Amino acid sequence: MSEQADWLGTTLAFVRQHIPELCIALVWGTLLFYNLGGAPPWWDEGWTMSVARNVLEYGFYGRLKLGALAPNGLEAAPPVVGMVALGMRLFGIGLWQARLLPTLCTAGALVSLYLLGRRLYGISIARGAMAVLLLLVALPNVHPLLIGRNVLGEMPMLFAVLLGYLALRQSIARSPLWLLIAIPVFALAIQIKIQAMPFWAMSLLVPLVVCMILRRWREAVMFAAALGGSYLTLRYGLVPFEALLLAGRTLPGEPITGLIEVVAAVTQPFNRLYTLQITLTWLLPFFIGLGVAMWRWVHDARAQAADADGLTRLVLLVFCGSWWAWFLTLSVGAPRYVFPAVMISGLYLSALLSDLTGGFDWRTSLHDVAAVSRVGLRRRNLGALLTLIMLVCYIPATLLYLHYYYTAGFDHSAERVADYLNTSTPPNALIETYESELYFFLQRPYHYPPDQLHVALIRRTSIGETIPLDYDPLAANPDYVVIGPFGANFNLYDEILQRGKIRLIYREGPYAVYVPVRATGGRNSR
């Protein structure tokens, strides 16, 4: 009885001490895992989920095309495909099963960010970061709940990166043995999403240079070991291991030329103005928080670089700042591309709000706002007023979007149109479509454009170049053509629509099913 009483007392004491964290975990956990298969799948998800399904059903890492095995292409990296396949192997083939393990990575990324924030900025700021990421990200394609509940590479990568930074901090503060965790986790993060490599490398290289300038040789060796060790682990460990796993289970892929130029090295004024507009409107609080945090570190650089926490702050700031700088200056401008920087900036926005409100003293802050009419704008009153304006502008927009996302946003049109095709067409009917989310549900052979065409579509739609498309959607002699959000947005099938070469027979939500007109040689004519 005494042991049970002691255990119960310890448990109750822990719960009382951590009530805020438990409440935060409950809210985030509920929103992350509620009706996980409800939200409609993305185009990006479709490629990854279809390849994962092929891994399970055919033992083949790649896609299907015309009913035959085809090389892999636009799906996420093998670690992401692997976790999606694992989720479906454990729980069955379906949308929520495919999303389960990537969503668990989201939970891990949030916990890792909270632990980093608690160590580097204090417990109240770490808690505040979880709140601002939930309530102040008013741009849908950048909100952690939307990114985090989908089969994408961002969250698994961020989970690995943040976990690596936690281990790196421990290696500097306590024992170099923590590098044995940091190095393979960093290598895995880069393998998951190669896009992170330059920003991750900068996040270790800049502190390395700072430590060398300040003659902090032990810390410099730690950063050099983490940087070099991670690269070597990736190059001579994970990459050969991946090749070994896929040997005989995949086909040589076709190289895509020009993709970096249209996604990661865009200098057109329109794209630069668009990224600036996104930053200075929807994401302004996070950008200001990042800027203030960077200025404070530089202003007190020598003191900041004196311990493990200060150096880890620099690591996070460089990773986040360099990523946002790339988004502003060179990215094509898709809002999703700035997401990793926004998520980490939740810490900096929380720290800024803490400063403006006297440590989140909301009652006093409201009194300060009310006193503006009597005493005028002073520094303290101004901070409280700016906080109030920020909350009033961004919280309603965020809550409105989340309400839509969790209610009217659950659209099952993709499953319904796939079910129509699976049940109302001959078993060998060939379907032409660029809606990759349908590939995951279809039980019919399908055809899609070559991956190289995706570069031309980006040039036309996102960069504004006027170039012809060298693609005939009817060349494969399809029996049905399905045009959905992606094909419509890229105007891929406009020519055959305008020339009356296809005829509408079925519509479901944003998807339209057509049959070729006078397809005398097609399978549907037999």
Protein backbone atom coordinates (compact mmCIF):
# COMPACT_ATOMS: atom_id res chain seq x y z
CA MET A 1 0.00 0.00 0.00
CA SER A 2 2.82 2.37 0.87
CA GLU A 3 4.47 1.83 -2.52
CA GLN A 4 1.16 2.38 -4.34
CA ALA A 5 0.53 5.55 -2.35
CA ASP A 6 4.01 6.82 -3.14
CA TRP A 7 3.51 6.05 -6.84
CA LEU A 8 0.13 7.79 -6.86
CA GLY A 9 1.52 10.81 -5.05
CA THR A 10 4.44 11.06 -7.47
CA THR A 11 2.09 10.78 -10.45
CA LEU A 12 -0.25 13.48 -9.13
CA ALA A 13 2.68 15.77 -8.38
CA PHE A 14 3.99 15.28 -11.93
CA VAL A 15 0.57 16.02 -13.41
CA ARG A 16 0.14 19.19 -11.34
CA GLN A 17 3.60 20.38 -12.30
CA HIS A 18 3.10 19.74 -16.01
CA ILE A 19 -0.56 20.65 -16.52
CA PRO A 20 0.26 23.25 -19.24
CA GLU A 21 2.36 20.75 -21.21
CA LEU A 22 -0.29 18.06 -20.87
CA CYS A 23 -2.97 20.44 -22.12
CA ILE A 24 -0.79 21.48 -25.04
CA ALA A 25 -0.09 17.83 -25.89
CA LEU A 26 -3.81 17.02 -25.71
CA VAL A 27 -4.78 19.85 -28.06
CA TRP A 28 -2.03 19.17 -30.59
CA GLY A 29 -2.50 15.40 -30.42
CA THR A 30 -6.25 15.66 -30.96
CA LEU A 31 -5.90 18.00 -33.93
CA LEU A 32 -3.08 16.00 -35.49
CA PHE A 33 -4.70 12.58 -35.37
CA TYR A 34 -8.40 13.43 -35.58
CA ASN A 35 -9.88 11.98 -38.79
CA LEU A 36 -6.43 11.58 -40.28
CA GLY A 37 -7.81 10.23 -43.54
CA GLY A 38 -10.42 12.97 -43.89
CA ALA A 39 -8.44 15.75 -45.53
CA PRO A 40 -8.17 15.31 -49.31
CA PRO A 41 -4.78 14.05 -50.51
CA TRP A 42 -2.29 16.39 -52.14
CA TRP A 43 -0.70 15.91 -55.55
CA ASP A 44 2.67 15.52 -53.79
CA GLU A 45 1.20 12.86 -51.51
CA GLY A 46 -0.14 10.86 -54.42
CA TRP A 47 3.27 10.00 -55.85
CA THR A 48 4.66 8.87 -52.50
CA MET A 49 1.61 6.87 -51.46
CA SER A 50 1.35 5.10 -54.81
CA VAL A 51 5.03 4.08 -54.71
CA ALA A 52 4.60 2.87 -51.12
CA ARG A 53 1.61 0.80 -52.20
CA ASN A 54 3.66 -0.70 -55.03
CA VAL A 55 6.35 -1.64 -52.51
CA LEU A 56 3.76 -3.63 -50.57
CA GLU A 57 1.87 -5.18 -53.48
CA TYR A 58 4.69 -5.81 -55.95
CA GLY A 59 7.85 -5.66 -53.84
CA PHE A 60 8.90 -2.95 -56.30
CA TYR A 61 10.18 0.54 -55.50
CA GLY A 62 8.77 2.63 -58.31
CA ARG A 63 5.61 3.64 -60.11
CA LEU A 64 3.19 2.03 -62.50
CA LYS A 65 2.55 3.30 -66.01
CA LEU A 66 0.30 1.70 -68.61
CA GLY A 67 -0.15 -1.11 -66.09
CA ALA A 68 3.57 -1.95 -66.10
CA LEU A 69 6.38 -1.27 -63.61
CA ALA A 70 8.05 2.08 -64.19
CA PRO A 71 10.95 3.99 -62.59
CA ASN A 72 10.45 6.14 -59.51
CA GLY A 73 10.38 9.90 -59.97
CA LEU A 74 8.54 12.66 -58.12
CA GLU A 75 7.82 10.84 -54.85
CA ALA A 76 9.47 11.69 -51.53
CA ALA A 77 12.79 10.12 -50.54
CA PRO A 78 13.02 6.39 -49.72
CA PRO A 79 12.91 6.87 -45.91
CA VAL A 80 9.53 8.62 -46.25
CA VAL A 81 8.24 6.01 -48.70
CA GLY A 82 9.45 3.34 -46.29
CA MET A 83 7.58 4.74 -43.30
CA VAL A 84 4.41 5.11 -45.37
CA ALA A 85 4.71 1.50 -46.53
CA LEU A 86 5.33 0.38 -42.94
CA GLY A 87 2.21 2.16 -41.73
CA MET A 88 0.12 0.43 -44.40
CA ARG A 89 1.70 -2.94 -43.74
CA LEU A 90 0.80 -2.66 -40.05
CA PHE A 91 -2.72 -1.25 -40.39
CA GLY A 92 -3.86 -1.91 -43.96
CA ILE A 93 -3.80 0.09 -47.19
CA GLY A 94 -5.60 3.39 -46.84
CA LEU A 95 -5.18 7.13 -46.54
CA TRP A 96 -4.98 7.44 -42.76
CA GLN A 97 -2.64 4.47 -42.57
CA ALA A 98 -0.32 6.13 -45.09
CA ARG A 99 -0.29 9.34 -43.07
CA LEU A 100 0.11 7.81 -39.63
CA LEU A 101 3.89 7.58 -39.29
CA PRO A 102 4.62 10.95 -40.98
CA THR A 103 2.15 12.48 -38.51
CA LEU A 104 3.99 10.79 -35.63
CA CYS A 105 7.10 12.53 -36.98
CA THR A 106 5.19 15.81 -36.68
CA ALA A 107 4.52 15.07 -33.02
CA GLY A 108 8.20 14.28 -32.58
CA ALA A 109 9.24 17.52 -34.29
CA LEU A 110 6.95 19.54 -32.01
CA VAL A 111 8.32 17.82 -28.91
CA SER A 112 11.90 18.37 -30.10
CA LEU A 113 11.21 22.06 -30.76
CA TYR A 114 9.61 22.39 -27.34
CA LEU A 115 12.62 20.77 -25.64
CA LEU A 116 15.03 23.01 -27.54
CA GLY A 117 12.98 26.07 -26.67
CA ARG A 118 12.80 25.09 -23.02
CA ARG A 119 16.55 24.66 -22.84
CA LEU A 120 17.50 27.72 -24.90
CA TYR A 121 14.79 30.27 -24.01
CA GLY A 122 12.91 29.00 -20.96
CA ILE A 123 9.79 26.99 -20.27
CA SER A 124 7.28 29.81 -20.79
CA ILE A 125 8.68 30.65 -24.23
CA ALA A 126 8.69 26.96 -25.21
CA ARG A 127 5.03 26.71 -24.22
CA GLY A 128 4.29 29.94 -26.06
CA ALA A 129 5.89 28.58 -29.23
CA MET A 130 3.44 25.70 -29.26
CA ALA A 131 0.59 28.22 -28.92
CA VAL A 132 1.74 30.63 -31.64
CA LEU A 133 2.33 27.78 -34.10
CA LEU A 134 -1.25 26.72 -33.55
CA LEU A 135 -2.97 30.12 -33.46
CA LEU A 136 -0.92 32.61 -35.48
CA VAL A 137 -0.09 30.79 -38.74
CA ALA A 138 -2.91 32.18 -40.86
CA LEU A 139 -1.53 30.88 -44.18
CA PRO A 140 -3.00 27.39 -44.80
CA ASN A 141 -0.12 25.85 -46.76
CA VAL A 142 2.32 26.83 -44.02
CA HIS A 143 0.36 25.75 -40.96
CA PRO A 144 2.00 22.81 -39.11
CA LEU A 145 -1.31 20.97 -38.93
CA LEU A 146 -1.71 20.92 -42.71
CA ILE A 147 1.91 20.06 -43.43
CA GLY A 148 2.10 17.70 -40.47
CA ARG A 149 -0.95 15.59 -41.37
CA ASN A 150 0.24 14.82 -44.89
CA VAL A 151 2.65 12.44 -46.57
CA LEU A 152 5.41 14.97 -47.17
CA GLY A 153 9.12 15.09 -46.38
CA GLU A 154 9.21 18.32 -44.38
CA MET A 155 8.13 17.02 -40.99
CA PRO A 156 10.27 13.84 -40.93
CA MET A 157 13.23 15.99 -41.97
CA LEU A 158 12.53 18.60 -39.29
CA PHE A 159 12.11 15.91 -36.65
CA ALA A 160 15.52 14.49 -37.50
CA VAL A 161 17.19 17.92 -37.72
CA LEU A 162 15.80 19.14 -34.40
CA LEU A 163 16.64 15.86 -32.70
CA GLY A 164 20.16 16.19 -34.06
CA TYR A 165 20.43 19.73 -32.71
CA LEU A 166 19.34 18.49 -29.27
CA ALA A 167 22.06 15.84 -29.34
CA LEU A 168 24.60 18.37 -30.62
CA ARG A 169 23.80 20.70 -27.74
CA GLN A 170 24.37 17.83 -25.31
CA SER A 171 27.68 16.97 -26.95
CA ILE A 172 28.91 20.55 -26.43
CA ALA A 173 27.55 20.89 -22.89
CA ARG A 174 28.27 17.41 -21.54
CA SER A 175 30.00 14.70 -23.53
CA PRO A 176 31.26 14.24 -27.11
CA LEU A 177 29.60 10.81 -27.04
CA TRP A 178 26.32 12.56 -27.89
CA LEU A 179 27.78 13.03 -31.37
CA LEU A 180 27.18 9.33 -31.88
CA ILE A 181 23.48 10.23 -31.94
CA ALA A 182 23.72 13.62 -33.65
CA ILE A 183 25.77 12.45 -36.65
CA PRO A 184 23.55 9.61 -37.94
CA VAL A 185 20.39 11.61 -37.23
CA PHE A 186 21.73 14.56 -39.23
CA ALA A 187 22.67 12.21 -42.07
CA LEU A 188 19.16 10.76 -42.05
CA ALA A 189 17.64 14.26 -42.14
CA ILE A 190 19.56 15.11 -45.30
CA GLN A 191 18.67 11.77 -46.85
CA ILE A 192 14.99 12.45 -46.14
CA LYS A 193 15.07 15.86 -47.82
CA ILE A 194 18.20 16.89 -49.70
CA GLN A 195 16.82 20.44 -49.93
CA ALA A 196 17.83 20.94 -46.28
CA MET A 197 21.52 20.27 -46.89
CA PRO A 198 22.80 23.81 -47.63
CA PHE A 199 20.92 25.34 -44.69
CA TRP A 200 21.93 22.57 -42.31
CA ALA A 201 25.56 22.85 -43.46
CA MET A 202 25.48 26.61 -42.90
CA SER A 203 24.02 26.07 -39.43
CA LEU A 204 27.15 24.13 -38.45
CA LEU A 205 29.72 25.99 -40.54
CA VAL A 206 28.93 29.47 -39.18
CA PRO A 207 29.26 28.43 -35.50
CA LEU A 208 32.44 26.57 -36.45
CA VAL A 209 33.93 29.79 -37.82
CA VAL A 210 32.72 31.78 -34.80
CA CYS A 211 34.34 29.28 -32.42
CA MET A 212 37.61 29.43 -34.34
CA ILE A 213 37.62 33.23 -34.22
CA LEU A 214 37.01 33.13 -30.47
CA ARG A 215 39.58 30.31 -30.05
CA ARG A 216 37.04 27.94 -28.58
CA TRP A 217 38.77 24.93 -30.04
CA ARG A 218 36.80 22.21 -28.26
CA GLU A 219 33.49 23.52 -29.61
CA ALA A 220 35.04 24.06 -33.04
CA VAL A 221 36.07 20.40 -33.14
CA MET A 222 32.51 19.40 -32.17
CA PHE A 223 30.99 21.35 -35.05
CA ALA A 224 33.61 20.08 -37.51
CA ALA A 225 33.02 16.50 -36.39
CA ALA A 226 29.26 16.87 -36.70
CA LEU A 227 29.54 18.43 -40.16
CA GLY A 228 32.12 16.04 -41.59
CA GLY A 229 30.84 12.97 -39.79
CA SER A 230 27.29 13.50 -40.99
CA TYR A 231 28.38 13.89 -44.59
CA LEU A 232 30.56 10.78 -44.44
CA THR A 233 27.78 8.80 -42.79
CA LEU A 234 25.38 9.85 -45.52
CA ARG A 235 27.82 9.31 -48.38
CA TYR A 236 29.38 6.05 -47.30
CA GLY A 237 26.73 4.66 -44.98
CA LEU A 238 23.11 5.54 -45.71
CA VAL A 239 23.41 5.94 -49.48
CA PRO A 240 25.07 2.52 -50.05
CA PHE A 241 22.64 0.93 -47.59
CA GLU A 242 19.71 2.40 -49.51
CA ALA A 243 21.17 1.13 -52.78
CA LEU A 244 21.56 -2.33 -51.23
CA LEU A 245 17.93 -2.38 -50.08
CA LEU A 246 16.64 -1.33 -53.49
CA ALA A 247 18.92 -3.55 -55.57
CA GLY A 248 16.77 -5.60 -57.94
CA ARG A 249 13.62 -3.89 -56.67
CA THR A 250 13.64 -0.74 -58.81
CA LEU A 251 14.39 0.54 -62.30
CA PRO A 252 16.84 3.26 -63.35
CA GLY A 253 15.18 6.64 -63.12
CA GLU A 254 15.11 9.21 -65.89
CA PRO A 255 17.02 12.41 -65.00
CA ILE A 256 15.04 15.64 -64.84
CA THR A 257 16.90 18.69 -66.11
CA GLY A 258 16.17 22.27 -65.13
CA LEU A 259 14.19 21.50 -61.98
CA ILE A 260 16.55 23.37 -59.65
CA GLU A 261 16.48 26.41 -61.93
CA VAL A 262 12.67 26.65 -61.82
CA VAL A 263 12.26 25.86 -58.12
CA ALA A 264 15.37 26.94 -56.21
CA ALA A 265 17.15 29.55 -58.36
CA VAL A 266 14.43 31.87 -59.63
CA THR A 267 15.26 35.56 -60.01
CA GLN A 268 12.19 36.90 -61.83
CA PRO A 269 10.77 40.07 -60.22
CA PHE A 270 7.26 38.62 -59.97
CA ASN A 271 8.43 35.70 -57.84
CA ARG A 272 10.57 37.95 -55.66
CA LEU A 273 7.67 40.34 -55.06
CA TYR A 274 5.40 37.40 -54.26
CA THR A 275 7.72 35.92 -51.62
CA LEU A 276 8.16 39.39 -50.13
CA GLN A 277 4.39 39.87 -50.05
CA ILE A 278 3.88 36.51 -48.33
CA THR A 279 6.52 37.35 -45.76
CA LEU A 280 5.31 40.88 -44.99
CA THR A 281 1.63 39.95 -44.71
CA TRP A 282 0.69 36.45 -43.61
CA LEU A 283 4.04 35.61 -42.01
CA LEU A 284 5.12 39.01 -40.71
CA PRO A 285 5.04 38.19 -36.94
CA PHE A 286 7.31 35.18 -37.42
CA PHE A 287 9.68 37.13 -39.64
CA ILE A 288 9.93 39.96 -37.11
CA GLY A 289 10.52 37.46 -34.31
CA LEU A 290 13.36 35.88 -36.30
CA GLY A 291 14.89 39.27 -37.08
CA VAL A 292 14.79 40.39 -33.45
CA ALA A 293 16.36 37.12 -32.28
CA MET A 294 19.18 37.43 -34.83
CA TRP A 295 19.86 41.04 -33.88
CA ARG A 296 20.04 40.14 -30.18
CA TRP A 297 22.48 37.31 -30.79
CA VAL A 298 24.78 39.49 -32.91
CA HIS A 299 24.50 42.37 -30.44
CA ASP A 300 25.79 40.14 -27.64
CA ALA A 301 27.74 37.65 -29.72
CA ARG A 302 30.74 37.11 -27.44
CA ALA A 303 28.59 36.34 -24.41
CA GLN A 304 26.21 34.22 -26.47
CA ALA A 305 29.06 32.10 -27.81
CA ALA A 306 30.36 31.42 -24.29
CA ASP A 307 28.26 28.33 -23.63
CA ALA A 308 26.47 25.45 -25.31
CA ASP A 309 23.05 27.11 -25.17
CA GLY A 310 24.24 30.27 -26.87
CA LEU A 311 25.99 28.32 -29.62
CA THR A 312 22.91 26.17 -30.16
CA ARG A 313 20.84 29.35 -30.47
CA LEU A 314 23.21 30.41 -33.24
CA VAL A 315 22.83 27.02 -34.94
CA LEU A 316 19.04 27.37 -35.02
CA LEU A 317 19.17 31.00 -36.12
CA VAL A 318 21.49 30.24 -39.04
CA PHE A 319 19.41 27.26 -40.18
CA CYS A 320 16.18 29.24 -39.95
CA GLY A 321 17.57 32.54 -41.26
CA SER A 322 19.39 31.06 -44.26
CA TRP A 323 16.30 29.06 -45.21
CA TRP A 324 14.09 32.18 -45.09
CA ALA A 325 16.70 34.21 -46.99
CA TRP A 326 16.64 31.61 -49.77
CA PHE A 327 12.84 31.70 -49.85
CA LEU A 328 12.91 35.48 -50.27
CA THR A 329 15.67 35.69 -52.84
CA LEU A 330 15.71 32.54 -54.97
CA SER A 331 12.73 30.22 -54.40
CA VAL A 332 9.92 29.95 -56.92
CA GLY A 333 7.64 31.21 -54.16
CA ALA A 334 5.40 28.30 -53.15
CA PRO A 335 4.47 29.15 -49.53
CA ARG A 336 5.18 25.58 -48.41
CA TYR A 337 8.87 26.14 -49.17
CA VAL A 338 9.25 28.53 -46.21
CA PHE A 339 7.52 26.20 -43.74
CA PRO A 340 10.65 24.85 -41.93
CA ALA A 341 11.80 28.41 -41.21
CA VAL A 342 8.35 29.43 -40.00
CA MET A 343 8.06 26.48 -37.65
CA ILE A 344 11.37 27.14 -35.92
CA SER A 345 10.55 30.87 -35.86
CA GLY A 346 7.70 29.98 -33.52
CA LEU A 347 10.33 30.09 -30.78
CA TYR A 348 11.43 33.59 -31.74
CA LEU A 349 7.91 34.94 -32.03
CA SER A 350 7.10 33.48 -28.62
CA ALA A 351 10.19 35.17 -27.16
CA LEU A 352 9.17 38.47 -28.75
CA LEU A 353 5.63 38.26 -27.36
CA SER A 354 7.05 37.44 -23.94
CA ASP A 355 9.13 40.61 -24.05
CA LEU A 356 6.24 42.75 -25.26
CA THR A 357 3.90 41.50 -22.53
CA GLY A 358 6.26 41.39 -19.57
CA GLY A 359 6.55 37.61 -19.56
CA PHE A 360 3.05 36.87 -20.88
CA ASP A 361 1.40 38.99 -18.20
CA TRP A 362 -1.84 39.37 -20.14
CA ARG A 363 -3.81 41.18 -17.44
CA THR A 364 -1.22 43.89 -17.05
CA SER A 365 -0.87 44.14 -20.83
CA LEU A 366 -4.58 44.80 -21.24
CA HIS A 367 -4.36 47.52 -18.59
CA ASP A 368 -1.43 49.03 -20.48
CA VAL A 369 -3.46 49.08 -23.71
CA ALA A 370 -6.37 50.73 -21.92
CA ALA A 371 -4.00 53.35 -20.51
CA VAL A 372 -2.83 54.50 -23.95
CA SER A 373 -5.63 57.07 -24.18
CA ARG A 374 -4.57 58.60 -20.84
CA VAL A 375 -0.76 58.45 -20.84
CA GLY A 376 -0.05 58.18 -24.57
CA LEU A 377 2.31 55.76 -26.30
CA ARG A 378 5.22 54.70 -24.15
CA ARG A 379 7.51 51.76 -24.64
CA ARG A 380 5.55 49.45 -22.34
CA ASN A 381 2.16 50.53 -23.66
CA LEU A 382 3.37 50.30 -27.23
CA GLY A 383 4.52 46.70 -26.78
CA ALA A 384 1.18 45.67 -25.32
CA LEU A 385 -0.69 47.50 -28.09
CA LEU A 386 1.37 45.86 -30.84
CA THR A 387 0.74 42.46 -29.28
CA LEU A 388 -2.98 43.07 -29.18
CA ILE A 389 -3.03 44.21 -32.82
CA MET A 390 -1.08 41.11 -33.86
CA LEU A 391 -3.40 38.74 -32.01
CA VAL A 392 -6.53 40.44 -33.34
CA CYS A 393 -5.25 40.30 -36.93
CA TYR A 394 -3.96 36.74 -37.05
CA ILE A 395 -5.87 34.58 -34.54
CA PRO A 396 -9.33 35.00 -36.17
CA ALA A 397 -7.93 34.25 -39.64
CA THR A 398 -6.15 31.15 -38.34
CA LEU A 399 -9.18 29.85 -36.44
CA LEU A 400 -11.42 30.48 -39.44
CA TYR A 401 -9.12 28.45 -41.65
CA LEU A 402 -8.81 25.63 -39.10
CA HIS A 403 -12.59 25.52 -38.72
CA TYR A 404 -12.95 25.17 -42.48
CA TYR A 405 -10.17 22.59 -42.67
CA TYR A 406 -11.69 20.34 -40.03
CA THR A 407 -15.29 20.66 -41.23
CA ALA A 408 -16.02 21.69 -44.81
CA GLY A 409 -12.44 20.92 -45.84
CA PHE A 410 -12.86 17.14 -45.72
CA ASP A 411 -13.61 16.32 -49.35
CA HIS A 412 -13.59 12.68 -50.48
CA SER A 413 -13.96 13.43 -54.19
CA ALA A 414 -10.71 11.66 -55.05
CA GLU A 415 -11.89 8.39 -53.51
CA ARG A 416 -15.32 8.70 -55.13
CA VAL A 417 -14.04 9.38 -58.64
CA ALA A 418 -11.56 6.50 -58.28
CA ASP A 419 -14.39 4.25 -57.12
CA TYR A 420 -16.43 5.29 -60.15
CA LEU A 421 -13.57 4.39 -62.48
CA ASN A 422 -12.86 1.13 -60.66
CA THR A 423 -16.47 -0.03 -60.85
CA SER A 424 -17.88 1.55 -64.03
CA THR A 425 -15.11 0.91 -66.54
CA PRO A 426 -13.68 -2.29 -68.13
CA PRO A 427 -10.80 -3.87 -66.16
CA ASN A 428 -8.30 -2.98 -68.90
CA ALA A 429 -9.56 0.58 -69.46
CA LEU A 430 -6.63 3.00 -69.73
CA ILE A 431 -6.97 6.29 -67.84
CA GLU A 432 -5.01 9.41 -68.70
CA THR A 433 -4.60 11.79 -65.74
CA TYR A 434 -2.02 13.92 -63.96
CA GLU A 435 -3.88 13.78 -60.64
CA SER A 436 -1.36 11.59 -58.82
CA GLU A 437 -3.58 11.20 -55.74
CA LEU A 438 -5.86 9.03 -57.90
CA TYR A 439 -3.04 6.56 -58.59
CA PHE A 440 -3.18 5.46 -54.95
CA PHE A 441 -6.86 4.49 -55.27
CA LEU A 442 -7.10 3.31 -58.89
CA GLN A 443 -7.35 -0.36 -59.83
CA ARG A 444 -7.08 0.39 -63.52
CA PRO A 445 -3.99 1.03 -65.70
CA TYR A 446 -3.18 4.72 -66.04
CA HIS A 447 -0.88 7.00 -67.96
CA TYR A 448 0.67 10.36 -67.08
CA PRO A 449 3.11 12.84 -68.67
CA PRO A 450 6.87 12.37 -68.37
CA ASP A 451 8.47 13.99 -65.34
CA GLN A 452 10.40 16.41 -67.52
CA LEU A 453 7.11 18.04 -68.51
CA HIS A 454 6.69 19.15 -64.88
CA VAL A 455 9.58 21.58 -65.38
CA ALA A 456 7.82 23.14 -68.38
CA LEU A 457 4.56 23.40 -66.42
CA ILE A 458 6.32 25.27 -63.61
CA ARG A 459 7.95 27.59 -66.12
CA ARG A 460 4.57 28.44 -67.62
CA THR A 461 2.49 28.74 -64.45
CA SER A 462 4.83 29.81 -61.65
CA ILE A 463 7.45 31.79 -63.57
CA GLY A 464 5.23 33.16 -66.32
CA GLU A 465 7.23 31.98 -69.33
CA THR A 466 5.33 31.47 -72.58
CA ILE A 467 6.52 28.13 -73.85
CA PRO A 468 4.72 25.36 -75.77
CA LEU A 469 4.00 22.01 -74.16
CA ASP A 470 5.39 19.06 -76.07
CA TYR A 471 2.76 16.59 -74.89
CA ASP A 472 -0.25 14.95 -76.50
CA PRO A 473 -2.61 13.62 -73.79
CA LEU A 474 -4.27 11.29 -76.30
CA ALA A 475 -1.06 9.80 -77.72
CA ALA A 476 -1.28 6.78 -75.40
CA ASN A 477 -4.80 6.07 -76.79
CA PRO A 478 -6.56 6.36 -73.42
CA ASP A 479 -10.13 5.28 -72.88
CA TYR A 480 -10.78 7.97 -70.25
CA VAL A 481 -9.22 11.32 -69.37
CA VAL A 482 -9.55 12.67 -65.82
CA ILE A 483 -8.89 16.36 -65.21
CA GLY A 484 -8.64 17.49 -61.61
CA PRO A 485 -7.19 20.43 -59.68
CA PHE A 486 -3.60 19.88 -60.80
CA GLY A 487 -4.25 19.35 -64.49
CA ALA A 488 -6.70 22.26 -64.55
CA ASN A 489 -4.33 24.61 -62.72
CA PHE A 490 -1.53 23.86 -65.17
CA ASN A 491 -3.87 24.02 -68.21
CA LEU A 492 -2.43 20.71 -69.30
CA TYR A 493 -5.54 19.52 -71.12
CA ASP A 494 -6.85 22.85 -72.41
CA GLU A 495 -6.03 22.13 -76.05
CA ILE A 496 -7.99 18.88 -76.31
CA LEU A 497 -10.84 20.48 -74.36
CA GLN A 498 -11.03 23.51 -76.62
CA ARG A 499 -10.85 21.38 -79.77
CA GLY A 500 -13.64 19.12 -78.55
CA LYS A 501 -11.46 16.01 -78.58
CA ILE A 502 -12.93 14.75 -75.29
CA ARG A 503 -16.49 14.61 -73.97
CA LEU A 504 -17.57 14.94 -70.31
CA ILE A 505 -19.34 11.87 -68.85
CA TYR A 506 -18.94 12.27 -65.08
CA ARG A 507 -18.09 14.98 -62.57
CA GLU A 508 -17.21 14.62 -58.89
CA GLY A 509 -16.12 17.70 -56.96
CA PRO A 510 -13.06 19.19 -58.69
CA TYR A 511 -12.60 16.09 -60.89
CA ALA A 512 -14.10 15.63 -64.36
CA VAL A 513 -14.05 12.35 -66.31
CA TYR A 514 -14.03 12.52 -70.11
CA VAL A 515 -13.96 10.04 -72.95
CA PRO A 516 -12.13 10.72 -76.21
CA VAL A 517 -14.43 11.67 -79.08
CA ARG A 518 -14.39 9.17 -81.98
CA ALA A 519 -11.68 7.08 -80.32
CA THR A 520 -12.21 4.40 -82.96
CA GLY A 521 -9.00 2.57 -82.12
CA GLY A 522 -9.36 2.77 -78.36
CA ARG A 523 -10.15 -0.07 -76.03
CA ASN A 524 -13.50 1.48 -75.10
CA SER A 525 -14.65 1.03 -78.68
CA ARG A 526 -14.25 -2.71 -78.59
